Amino acid sequence: LPDLSPPEQKALADGHGRLFKQLFLDSCEQFPGARDLLRRVHADGRKVVLASSASEEELQHYIDRLGIADIVAAITSIDDVGTSKPAPDIFVVALKKAGVDAAEAIAVGDTPYDVSSAGKAGMATVALLSGGFARGELESAGAMDIYDDAADLLSAYDTSPLTR
């Protein structure tokens, strides 16, 4: 709703967030292979950094549900930045918190907003089709490679961009 004023957009987003947390947060399920993919990345000596447009409270909820608190090097949420994706702010802050140069990082995302945002921050992105967006949309946004979902990326891990 681009014609809404910024205060109206914020009120709508806040209301959406409240309803989501109230009705759906506790019933969210992890994507197949997500936990194992993150553990594989960590086991290979790479930093696992989560950068999300979700609130820190919501992001912590997902970390707890996945059981990955022990492998997460840093998190960045909408609470850390003034502007959400597709602005690069979330990824810029995540890189800074992790102490990693953008040229050495690879984002994994499932929306064109993730791909665009990471690209603006100087990062390459591996995209997943599990976000409901078409392959062409992810390609147009600049994804370097595309997989069906986290399980597919995990199964192709050894030949994926994540090992470069």
N, C-alpha and C. Protein backbone atom coordinates (compact mmCIF):
# COMPACT_ATOMS: atom_id res chain seq x y z
N LEU A 1 0.84 -1.19 0.00
CA LEU A 1 0.00 0.00 0.00
C LEU A 1 0.88 1.25 0.00
N PRO A 2 1.53 1.50 -1.11
CA PRO A 2 2.49 2.60 -1.17
C PRO A 2 1.90 3.99 -0.99
N ASP A 3 0.59 4.14 -1.15
CA ASP A 3 -0.02 5.47 -1.01
C ASP A 3 -0.31 5.84 0.44
N LEU A 4 -0.13 4.89 1.35
CA LEU A 4 -0.33 5.20 2.76
C LEU A 4 0.83 6.05 3.28
N SER A 5 0.53 6.88 4.24
CA SER A 5 1.58 7.69 4.87
C SER A 5 2.48 6.77 5.69
N PRO A 6 3.70 7.19 5.97
CA PRO A 6 4.60 6.36 6.80
C PRO A 6 3.97 5.95 8.15
N PRO A 7 3.28 6.85 8.85
CA PRO A 7 2.65 6.40 10.10
C PRO A 7 1.56 5.34 9.88
N GLU A 8 0.81 5.47 8.78
CA GLU A 8 -0.20 4.46 8.47
C GLU A 8 0.45 3.13 8.10
N GLN A 9 1.55 3.17 7.34
CA GLN A 9 2.27 1.95 6.99
C GLN A 9 2.81 1.26 8.24
N LYS A 10 3.35 2.06 9.17
CA LYS A 10 3.89 1.48 10.40
C LYS A 10 2.77 0.86 11.23
N ALA A 11 1.64 1.54 11.33
CA ALA A 11 0.50 1.00 12.10
C ALA A 11 0.02 -0.32 11.48
N LEU A 12 -0.04 -0.37 10.17
CA LEU A 12 -0.47 -1.59 9.49
C LEU A 12 0.55 -2.72 9.73
N ALA A 13 1.84 -2.42 9.61
CA ALA A 13 2.88 -3.42 9.85
C ALA A 13 2.86 -3.90 11.29
N ASP A 14 2.68 -2.98 12.22
CA ASP A 14 2.62 -3.36 13.64
C ASP A 14 1.42 -4.26 13.91
N GLY A 15 0.28 -3.94 13.33
CA GLY A 15 -0.92 -4.76 13.49
C GLY A 15 -0.72 -6.15 12.89
N HIS A 16 -0.11 -6.19 11.73
CA HIS A 16 0.19 -7.47 11.09
C HIS A 16 1.08 -8.31 12.00
N GLY A 17 2.13 -7.69 12.55
CA GLY A 17 3.05 -8.39 13.43
C GLY A 17 2.35 -8.94 14.67
N ARG A 18 1.49 -8.14 15.27
CA ARG A 18 0.75 -8.59 16.46
C ARG A 18 -0.13 -9.78 16.14
N LEU A 19 -0.87 -9.71 15.03
CA LEU A 19 -1.74 -10.82 14.65
C LEU A 19 -0.95 -12.07 14.32
N PHE A 20 0.15 -11.92 13.60
CA PHE A 20 0.97 -13.08 13.26
C PHE A 20 1.46 -13.77 14.53
N LYS A 21 2.00 -12.98 15.46
CA LYS A 21 2.51 -13.57 16.71
C LYS A 21 1.39 -14.25 17.49
N GLN A 22 0.25 -13.61 17.54
CA GLN A 22 -0.88 -14.15 18.30
C GLN A 22 -1.44 -15.43 17.67
N LEU A 23 -1.56 -15.45 16.36
CA LEU A 23 -2.25 -16.56 15.69
C LEU A 23 -1.35 -17.65 15.14
N PHE A 24 -0.11 -17.30 14.75
CA PHE A 24 0.68 -18.26 13.98
C PHE A 24 2.08 -18.56 14.50
N LEU A 25 2.67 -17.70 15.29
CA LEU A 25 4.08 -17.86 15.66
C LEU A 25 4.39 -19.22 16.27
N ASP A 26 3.58 -19.66 17.20
CA ASP A 26 3.86 -20.93 17.88
C ASP A 26 3.63 -22.15 17.00
N SER A 27 2.92 -21.99 15.90
CA SER A 27 2.66 -23.14 15.03
C SER A 27 3.59 -23.18 13.82
N CYS A 28 4.51 -22.23 13.71
CA CYS A 28 5.45 -22.23 12.58
C CYS A 28 6.35 -23.46 12.66
N GLU A 29 6.55 -24.08 11.53
CA GLU A 29 7.41 -25.25 11.43
C GLU A 29 8.67 -24.87 10.66
N GLN A 30 9.77 -25.51 10.97
CA GLN A 30 11.00 -25.26 10.24
C GLN A 30 10.95 -25.89 8.86
N PHE A 31 11.66 -25.29 7.94
CA PHE A 31 11.77 -25.88 6.61
C PHE A 31 12.62 -27.14 6.72
N PRO A 32 12.24 -28.21 6.02
CA PRO A 32 13.06 -29.43 6.04
C PRO A 32 14.50 -29.11 5.65
N GLY A 33 15.42 -29.61 6.45
CA GLY A 33 16.84 -29.43 6.17
C GLY A 33 17.45 -28.15 6.70
N ALA A 34 16.64 -27.23 7.20
CA ALA A 34 17.16 -25.92 7.63
C ALA A 34 18.18 -26.07 8.77
N ARG A 35 17.81 -26.77 9.82
CA ARG A 35 18.73 -26.95 10.95
C ARG A 35 20.01 -27.64 10.50
N ASP A 36 19.88 -28.71 9.73
CA ASP A 36 21.05 -29.46 9.30
C ASP A 36 21.94 -28.64 8.37
N LEU A 37 21.35 -27.81 7.53
CA LEU A 37 22.13 -26.95 6.65
C LEU A 37 22.96 -25.96 7.47
N LEU A 38 22.32 -25.32 8.45
CA LEU A 38 23.04 -24.35 9.28
C LEU A 38 24.15 -25.04 10.08
N ARG A 39 23.87 -26.22 10.58
CA ARG A 39 24.90 -26.96 11.33
C ARG A 39 26.06 -27.37 10.41
N ARG A 40 25.76 -27.70 9.18
CA ARG A 40 26.81 -28.07 8.21
C ARG A 40 27.70 -26.86 7.91
N VAL A 41 27.09 -25.71 7.71
CA VAL A 41 27.85 -24.49 7.46
C VAL A 41 28.77 -24.21 8.65
N HIS A 42 28.24 -24.32 9.84
CA HIS A 42 29.02 -24.09 11.06
C HIS A 42 30.15 -25.11 11.19
N ALA A 43 29.84 -26.37 10.94
CA ALA A 43 30.84 -27.44 11.06
C ALA A 43 32.00 -27.24 10.09
N ASP A 44 31.75 -26.56 8.98
CA ASP A 44 32.80 -26.27 8.00
C ASP A 44 33.64 -25.05 8.39
N GLY A 45 33.40 -24.52 9.58
CA GLY A 45 34.19 -23.40 10.06
C GLY A 45 33.73 -22.04 9.60
N ARG A 46 32.52 -21.98 9.07
CA ARG A 46 31.97 -20.71 8.62
C ARG A 46 31.06 -20.13 9.70
N LYS A 47 30.91 -18.82 9.68
CA LYS A 47 30.03 -18.16 10.64
C LYS A 47 28.59 -18.24 10.15
N VAL A 48 27.70 -18.55 11.07
CA VAL A 48 26.27 -18.52 10.78
C VAL A 48 25.75 -17.23 11.39
N VAL A 49 25.26 -16.35 10.53
CA VAL A 49 24.74 -15.06 10.95
C VAL A 49 23.32 -14.95 10.41
N LEU A 50 22.38 -14.64 11.26
CA LEU A 50 20.99 -14.51 10.84
C LEU A 50 20.64 -13.03 10.70
N ALA A 51 20.10 -12.67 9.55
CA ALA A 51 19.71 -11.30 9.26
C ALA A 51 18.26 -11.33 8.79
N SER A 52 17.36 -10.84 9.63
CA SER A 52 15.94 -10.98 9.35
C SER A 52 15.19 -9.67 9.53
N SER A 53 14.13 -9.52 8.75
CA SER A 53 13.24 -8.39 8.92
C SER A 53 12.27 -8.60 10.08
N ALA A 54 12.34 -9.76 10.71
CA ALA A 54 11.52 -10.04 11.88
C ALA A 54 12.06 -9.26 13.08
N SER A 55 11.26 -9.17 14.12
CA SER A 55 11.73 -8.55 15.36
C SER A 55 12.74 -9.47 16.02
N GLU A 56 13.54 -8.92 16.92
CA GLU A 56 14.51 -9.76 17.63
C GLU A 56 13.80 -10.83 18.45
N GLU A 57 12.67 -10.48 19.05
CA GLU A 57 11.89 -11.46 19.83
C GLU A 57 11.46 -12.63 18.94
N GLU A 58 10.96 -12.32 17.76
CA GLU A 58 10.52 -13.37 16.83
C GLU A 58 11.71 -14.19 16.34
N LEU A 59 12.80 -13.53 16.02
CA LEU A 59 13.99 -14.22 15.55
C LEU A 59 14.53 -15.16 16.64
N GLN A 60 14.54 -14.72 17.88
CA GLN A 60 14.98 -15.57 18.99
C GLN A 60 14.06 -16.79 19.12
N HIS A 61 12.78 -16.59 18.90
CA HIS A 61 11.82 -17.69 18.94
C HIS A 61 12.20 -18.77 17.91
N TYR A 62 12.54 -18.32 16.70
CA TYR A 62 12.91 -19.27 15.64
C TYR A 62 14.23 -19.96 15.97
N ILE A 63 15.18 -19.23 16.52
CA ILE A 63 16.46 -19.83 16.91
C ILE A 63 16.22 -20.91 17.95
N ASP A 64 15.36 -20.63 18.92
CA ASP A 64 15.04 -21.63 19.95
C ASP A 64 14.35 -22.84 19.34
N ARG A 65 13.40 -22.60 18.44
CA ARG A 65 12.68 -23.72 17.81
C ARG A 65 13.60 -24.59 16.97
N LEU A 66 14.57 -23.98 16.33
CA LEU A 66 15.53 -24.72 15.52
C LEU A 66 16.61 -25.38 16.38
N GLY A 67 16.79 -24.89 17.60
CA GLY A 67 17.83 -25.42 18.45
C GLY A 67 19.22 -25.11 17.93
N ILE A 68 19.44 -23.86 17.50
CA ILE A 68 20.71 -23.49 16.89
C ILE A 68 21.44 -22.36 17.61
N ALA A 69 21.01 -22.02 18.80
CA ALA A 69 21.63 -20.90 19.52
C ALA A 69 23.14 -21.11 19.67
N ASP A 70 23.56 -22.34 19.78
CA ASP A 70 24.98 -22.65 19.99
C ASP A 70 25.85 -22.43 18.76
N ILE A 71 25.26 -22.25 17.59
CA ILE A 71 26.07 -22.08 16.37
C ILE A 71 25.91 -20.71 15.73
N VAL A 72 25.03 -19.89 16.26
CA VAL A 72 24.78 -18.58 15.65
C VAL A 72 25.80 -17.58 16.18
N ALA A 73 26.59 -17.01 15.25
CA ALA A 73 27.63 -16.06 15.63
C ALA A 73 27.06 -14.67 15.90
N ALA A 74 26.00 -14.31 15.19
CA ALA A 74 25.39 -12.98 15.36
C ALA A 74 24.00 -12.99 14.75
N ILE A 75 23.17 -12.08 15.24
CA ILE A 75 21.85 -11.89 14.64
C ILE A 75 21.61 -10.40 14.42
N THR A 76 20.84 -10.12 13.41
CA THR A 76 20.39 -8.77 13.13
C THR A 76 18.91 -8.85 12.81
N SER A 77 18.15 -7.98 13.45
CA SER A 77 16.70 -7.96 13.23
C SER A 77 16.27 -6.56 12.83
N ILE A 78 15.01 -6.41 12.57
CA ILE A 78 14.46 -5.10 12.23
C ILE A 78 14.68 -4.11 13.38
N ASP A 79 14.85 -4.64 14.60
CA ASP A 79 15.08 -3.77 15.76
C ASP A 79 16.44 -3.08 15.71
N ASP A 80 17.36 -3.58 14.87
CA ASP A 80 18.71 -3.02 14.77
C ASP A 80 18.85 -1.96 13.70
N VAL A 81 17.84 -1.79 12.87
CA VAL A 81 17.96 -0.89 11.71
C VAL A 81 16.72 -0.02 11.59
N GLY A 82 16.84 1.02 10.78
CA GLY A 82 15.70 1.90 10.56
C GLY A 82 14.85 1.50 9.38
N THR A 83 15.44 0.76 8.44
CA THR A 83 14.74 0.42 7.21
C THR A 83 14.89 -1.07 6.93
N SER A 84 13.80 -1.70 6.54
CA SER A 84 13.79 -3.13 6.25
C SER A 84 14.19 -3.40 4.81
N LYS A 85 14.29 -4.67 4.47
CA LYS A 85 14.58 -5.09 3.10
C LYS A 85 13.49 -4.53 2.19
N PRO A 86 13.82 -4.09 1.00
CA PRO A 86 15.03 -4.35 0.23
C PRO A 86 16.18 -3.38 0.49
N ALA A 87 16.08 -2.48 1.46
CA ALA A 87 17.24 -1.67 1.83
C ALA A 87 18.33 -2.61 2.35
N PRO A 88 19.58 -2.25 2.19
CA PRO A 88 20.67 -3.15 2.59
C PRO A 88 20.99 -3.14 4.09
N ASP A 89 20.33 -2.30 4.85
CA ASP A 89 20.70 -2.04 6.25
C ASP A 89 20.87 -3.30 7.10
N ILE A 90 19.94 -4.24 6.98
CA ILE A 90 19.99 -5.44 7.82
C ILE A 90 21.26 -6.24 7.53
N PHE A 91 21.62 -6.36 6.26
CA PHE A 91 22.84 -7.11 5.91
C PHE A 91 24.10 -6.33 6.27
N VAL A 92 24.08 -5.01 6.12
CA VAL A 92 25.24 -4.19 6.49
C VAL A 92 25.53 -4.35 7.98
N VAL A 93 24.50 -4.28 8.81
CA VAL A 93 24.68 -4.43 10.25
C VAL A 93 25.12 -5.86 10.59
N ALA A 94 24.55 -6.85 9.92
CA ALA A 94 24.92 -8.25 10.17
C ALA A 94 26.40 -8.47 9.87
N LEU A 95 26.88 -7.94 8.74
CA LEU A 95 28.28 -8.08 8.38
C LEU A 95 29.18 -7.43 9.43
N LYS A 96 28.77 -6.25 9.88
CA LYS A 96 29.55 -5.53 10.89
C LYS A 96 29.59 -6.32 12.20
N LYS A 97 28.44 -6.83 12.64
CA LYS A 97 28.40 -7.62 13.88
C LYS A 97 29.26 -8.87 13.78
N ALA A 98 29.29 -9.48 12.61
CA ALA A 98 30.04 -10.71 12.41
C ALA A 98 31.52 -10.46 12.14
N GLY A 99 31.86 -9.22 11.80
CA GLY A 99 33.24 -8.92 11.47
C GLY A 99 33.68 -9.57 10.18
N VAL A 100 32.77 -9.59 9.20
CA VAL A 100 33.02 -10.25 7.92
C VAL A 100 32.87 -9.24 6.79
N ASP A 101 33.76 -9.30 5.82
CA ASP A 101 33.68 -8.45 4.65
C ASP A 101 32.59 -8.99 3.72
N ALA A 102 31.84 -8.11 3.10
CA ALA A 102 30.74 -8.51 2.22
C ALA A 102 31.21 -9.43 1.09
N ALA A 103 32.40 -9.21 0.58
CA ALA A 103 32.91 -10.02 -0.53
C ALA A 103 33.18 -11.46 -0.10
N GLU A 104 33.29 -11.70 1.19
CA GLU A 104 33.57 -13.04 1.71
C GLU A 104 32.32 -13.73 2.25
N ALA A 105 31.19 -13.06 2.16
CA ALA A 105 29.94 -13.60 2.72
C ALA A 105 28.99 -14.00 1.60
N ILE A 106 28.15 -14.97 1.90
CA ILE A 106 27.08 -15.36 0.98
C ILE A 106 25.79 -15.40 1.79
N ALA A 107 24.80 -14.69 1.29
CA ALA A 107 23.48 -14.72 1.92
C ALA A 107 22.69 -15.89 1.35
N VAL A 108 21.81 -16.43 2.16
CA VAL A 108 20.84 -17.42 1.69
C VAL A 108 19.48 -16.82 1.99
N GLY A 109 18.66 -16.65 0.97
CA GLY A 109 17.35 -16.03 1.16
C GLY A 109 16.32 -16.65 0.25
N ASP A 110 15.06 -16.35 0.55
CA ASP A 110 13.99 -16.95 -0.25
C ASP A 110 13.03 -15.93 -0.85
N THR A 111 13.45 -14.67 -0.89
CA THR A 111 12.62 -13.65 -1.53
C THR A 111 13.50 -12.77 -2.42
N PRO A 112 12.91 -12.12 -3.41
CA PRO A 112 13.68 -11.16 -4.20
C PRO A 112 14.20 -10.01 -3.33
N TYR A 113 13.50 -9.71 -2.24
CA TYR A 113 13.92 -8.65 -1.33
C TYR A 113 15.22 -9.04 -0.63
N ASP A 114 15.35 -10.31 -0.26
CA ASP A 114 16.60 -10.80 0.34
C ASP A 114 17.75 -10.64 -0.65
N VAL A 115 17.52 -11.09 -1.86
CA VAL A 115 18.56 -11.06 -2.90
C VAL A 115 18.98 -9.62 -3.19
N SER A 116 18.00 -8.75 -3.38
CA SER A 116 18.28 -7.35 -3.68
C SER A 116 19.00 -6.66 -2.52
N SER A 117 18.52 -6.88 -1.32
CA SER A 117 19.10 -6.27 -0.13
C SER A 117 20.55 -6.70 0.06
N ALA A 118 20.80 -7.99 -0.03
CA ALA A 118 22.17 -8.50 0.11
C ALA A 118 23.07 -7.94 -0.99
N GLY A 119 22.56 -7.88 -2.20
CA GLY A 119 23.33 -7.33 -3.32
C GLY A 119 23.72 -5.89 -3.09
N LYS A 120 22.80 -5.10 -2.56
CA LYS A 120 23.11 -3.69 -2.26
C LYS A 120 24.16 -3.58 -1.16
N ALA A 121 24.26 -4.59 -0.32
CA ALA A 121 25.27 -4.61 0.74
C ALA A 121 26.58 -5.20 0.25
N GLY A 122 26.63 -5.62 -1.03
CA GLY A 122 27.85 -6.16 -1.61
C GLY A 122 28.00 -7.66 -1.50
N MET A 123 26.93 -8.33 -1.13
CA MET A 123 26.96 -9.79 -0.94
C MET A 123 26.32 -10.52 -2.10
N ALA A 124 26.82 -11.71 -2.38
CA ALA A 124 26.17 -12.62 -3.31
C ALA A 124 25.09 -13.38 -2.54
N THR A 125 24.08 -13.88 -3.26
CA THR A 125 22.99 -14.60 -2.60
C THR A 125 22.67 -15.90 -3.31
N VAL A 126 22.52 -16.95 -2.51
CA VAL A 126 21.95 -18.21 -2.96
C VAL A 126 20.49 -18.14 -2.57
N ALA A 127 19.60 -18.38 -3.52
CA ALA A 127 18.17 -18.25 -3.26
C ALA A 127 17.50 -19.61 -3.17
N LEU A 128 16.43 -19.63 -2.38
CA LEU A 128 15.62 -20.83 -2.21
C LEU A 128 14.20 -20.55 -2.71
N LEU A 129 13.61 -21.52 -3.38
CA LEU A 129 12.25 -21.37 -3.90
C LEU A 129 11.18 -21.55 -2.83
N SER A 130 11.58 -21.89 -1.62
CA SER A 130 10.63 -22.15 -0.53
C SER A 130 9.88 -20.89 -0.07
N GLY A 131 10.29 -19.72 -0.52
CA GLY A 131 9.61 -18.49 -0.13
C GLY A 131 8.38 -18.18 -0.96
N GLY A 132 8.13 -19.01 -1.97
CA GLY A 132 6.92 -18.81 -2.77
C GLY A 132 7.12 -17.91 -3.98
N PHE A 133 8.33 -17.49 -4.24
CA PHE A 133 8.60 -16.64 -5.40
C PHE A 133 9.12 -17.51 -6.55
N ALA A 134 8.84 -17.09 -7.75
CA ALA A 134 9.24 -17.84 -8.94
C ALA A 134 10.74 -17.72 -9.17
N ARG A 135 11.29 -18.74 -9.79
CA ARG A 135 12.72 -18.77 -10.12
C ARG A 135 13.13 -17.49 -10.87
N GLY A 136 12.31 -17.09 -11.83
CA GLY A 136 12.63 -15.89 -12.62
C GLY A 136 12.72 -14.63 -11.78
N GLU A 137 11.88 -14.51 -10.77
CA GLU A 137 11.93 -13.34 -9.89
C GLU A 137 13.24 -13.31 -9.09
N LEU A 138 13.66 -14.48 -8.64
CA LEU A 138 14.90 -14.56 -7.87
C LEU A 138 16.11 -14.33 -8.77
N GLU A 139 16.05 -14.86 -9.99
CA GLU A 139 17.13 -14.62 -10.96
C GLU A 139 17.22 -13.14 -11.30
N SER A 140 16.07 -12.51 -11.57
CA SER A 140 16.04 -11.09 -11.92
C SER A 140 16.58 -10.21 -10.80
N ALA A 141 16.38 -10.65 -9.57
CA ALA A 141 16.88 -9.89 -8.42
C ALA A 141 18.39 -10.04 -8.26
N GLY A 142 18.98 -11.07 -8.92
CA GLY A 142 20.42 -11.24 -8.90
C GLY A 142 20.95 -12.45 -8.17
N ALA A 143 20.10 -13.44 -7.89
CA ALA A 143 20.57 -14.65 -7.19
C ALA A 143 21.66 -15.34 -8.01
N MET A 144 22.72 -15.76 -7.34
CA MET A 144 23.83 -16.42 -8.04
C MET A 144 23.53 -17.88 -8.32
N ASP A 145 22.66 -18.47 -7.51
CA ASP A 145 22.26 -19.86 -7.70
C ASP A 145 20.92 -20.04 -6.99
N ILE A 146 20.13 -21.01 -7.42
CA ILE A 146 18.79 -21.21 -6.86
C ILE A 146 18.56 -22.69 -6.60
N TYR A 147 18.02 -22.98 -5.42
CA TYR A 147 17.71 -24.35 -5.00
C TYR A 147 16.25 -24.41 -4.59
N ASP A 148 15.69 -25.60 -4.60
CA ASP A 148 14.28 -25.76 -4.23
C ASP A 148 14.01 -25.30 -2.81
N ASP A 149 14.87 -25.72 -1.88
CA ASP A 149 14.68 -25.40 -0.47
C ASP A 149 15.97 -25.71 0.28
N ALA A 150 15.95 -25.57 1.60
CA ALA A 150 17.15 -25.82 2.40
C ALA A 150 17.64 -27.26 2.25
N ALA A 151 16.73 -28.21 2.19
CA ALA A 151 17.12 -29.62 2.04
C ALA A 151 17.83 -29.84 0.71
N ASP A 152 17.36 -29.21 -0.35
CA ASP A 152 17.99 -29.32 -1.67
C ASP A 152 19.38 -28.71 -1.63
N LEU A 153 19.52 -27.55 -1.02
CA LEU A 153 20.83 -26.91 -0.89
C LEU A 153 21.77 -27.79 -0.07
N LEU A 154 21.27 -28.37 0.99
CA LEU A 154 22.10 -29.26 1.82
C LEU A 154 22.56 -30.47 1.01
N SER A 155 21.67 -31.04 0.21
CA SER A 155 22.05 -32.23 -0.57
C SER A 155 23.10 -31.90 -1.64
N ALA A 156 23.13 -30.66 -2.09
CA ALA A 156 24.11 -30.23 -3.10
C ALA A 156 25.23 -29.39 -2.48
N TYR A 157 25.33 -29.43 -1.17
CA TYR A 157 26.23 -28.55 -0.43
C TYR A 157 27.66 -28.55 -0.98
N ASP A 158 28.22 -29.73 -1.22
CA ASP A 158 29.63 -29.83 -1.62
C ASP A 158 29.93 -29.15 -2.96
N THR A 159 28.93 -28.98 -3.80
CA THR A 159 29.15 -28.30 -5.08
C THR A 159 28.46 -26.93 -5.13
N SER A 160 27.92 -26.51 -4.01
CA SER A 160 27.19 -25.23 -3.95
C SER A 160 28.15 -24.06 -3.73
N PRO A 161 27.68 -22.86 -3.98
CA PRO A 161 28.50 -21.67 -3.70
C PRO A 161 28.89 -21.53 -2.23
N LEU A 162 28.20 -22.22 -1.34
CA LEU A 162 28.52 -22.11 0.08
C LEU A 162 29.89 -22.67 0.43
N THR A 163 30.47 -23.48 -0.45
CA THR A 163 31.79 -24.05 -0.17
C THR A 163 32.92 -23.26 -0.83
N ARG A 164 32.58 -22.20 -1.52
CA ARG A 164 33.61 -21.41 -2.21
C ARG A 164 34.25 -20.40 -1.29
